[in-house]
Amino acid sequence: MTRILPALRSLAVFAAVAPAAFGAFAQAPQPPEIAARTYMLVDITANQVLAAKDIDAPVEQASLTKLMTGYLVFDALRAKKITLDQKLPVSVRAWKMPGSRMFIDPKMQVPVEDLIKGMIVQSGNDATMALAEGVGGTAENFVKLMNDQAKALGMKGTSYKNPEGLTEPGHTTTARDLSVLATRLMKDFPEYMHYYSTKQYSYPGTPASNGSNRNSLLFRDPTVDGLKTGHTAAAGYCLVATSKRDFPGVGQRRLLSIVLGASSENARANESQKLLNWGYTAFEAVKLFDAGKPVATPAVWKGTEDVLKIGREDAIVVTVPSGSAGKVTTAVVRPDPLVAPFAKGQAVGTLKVTLGEQTLAEVPLVALEEVPQAGILGRAWDAIRLWIK
């Protein structure tokens, strides 16, 4: 059975996805008018929500369902339960799938990698079913794996009824859950994310005219590199889009936009582009500490070292309204005294980041290096010093 990956602990208070993340600021940037039933914009680099509307409302998933199908397929690849060059059979059930298709049939044995491209680029329901059957044994068992994984990721508003996204009672999700899934997909399986930026693909012997990626932002904006479109009559036109742009002093900054229930294919692209552009201009990223660099070096007692380096293995970045970077303040909250031993990666305290009176983030800090316990004489001497202190 496919292993279930646990949810990551969030670094920021915005992981709770408060709808008006910057609403407390007097000069909070107001998002543009977005013509969609629900939408969301997340700064993935800073783990903060920049804009949101009705993100807990249940919505039809359409082909955004294939994000979870992809997650489980990538997990099976990593676990070596399948391989990219392994050929999977095409069942009659897969062949007869309605809607978007890769145009494969039961006479074919199709490599897993081609099925992945067919599922992502062409949004092929036939390719998706073939993958689901190949990983889960049956579509029904695969759907159980989907729901188990959704639970493990904390997607409380999502229920899967099929692997491809055709309309079915109870097959629903939320914008909040889609942000969790998209974020984890990118973080957990970076080696497979290039499939989502593939602009053209068609399997040999199938119609080349069916080969363009439905995500038209890939053709409009060179900074967009994913992720997935969806459309049914019930869901409307949907798009989960990701973009990465480079900024001086910060490096790469990634945004994730989710637009659900737009009126047309063009509208979902336009509204997504509007959100992304606004997020990059209305907010600026501030790198507080580089990856692996100490945030603080407090004294440590009864250890082989005099100080404990605490920080994070990844860079600590926050996003603030443009022009307010100079007003960001930080404070380390930790136990005192710190008594060895400490293991590398052990939680030590938090970095509280504020802008004015508003808490932006509370970032967990860990020991960057191991500090073993000192010998008996060292421990005894520090015990006396602590008693005097």
Foldseek 3Di string as FASTA:
>chain_A
DQDADAADDDFWPCLVVDQCQPVVDPPQDDADDAQFPWKWKAFLVQRHTNHIDQQLDKFQCFQLLLLLLVLRLLSCCVVVVFHQQFWFAQDQVLCPDDDFALNDDRVDTHGLVQLLLCCQQRVHSSSSQRSLCSRQVHQQSSQVVSVVNLVSNVQVRAHCDGRRRDDDPRHIGGNSSSVSSVSCSCVVCVVPLQSFLDAFDHDPPDDRVSTGGLQCVSVVPVQKRDDHWGDDPRWATWGWIKGWDQDPPPGIIMMIMTGTGHHDSVSNNVSRVSRVVCQPQQKDKDFPAAALAFPDWDAEAQWPDGTFGKDHRHTNMFMDGPPQVVQKDKDWDFDPPHYDFFAAFAWTTWIFIDRVPRTTTTGTMGGNHTIHGDDPVRNVVRVVVVVVD
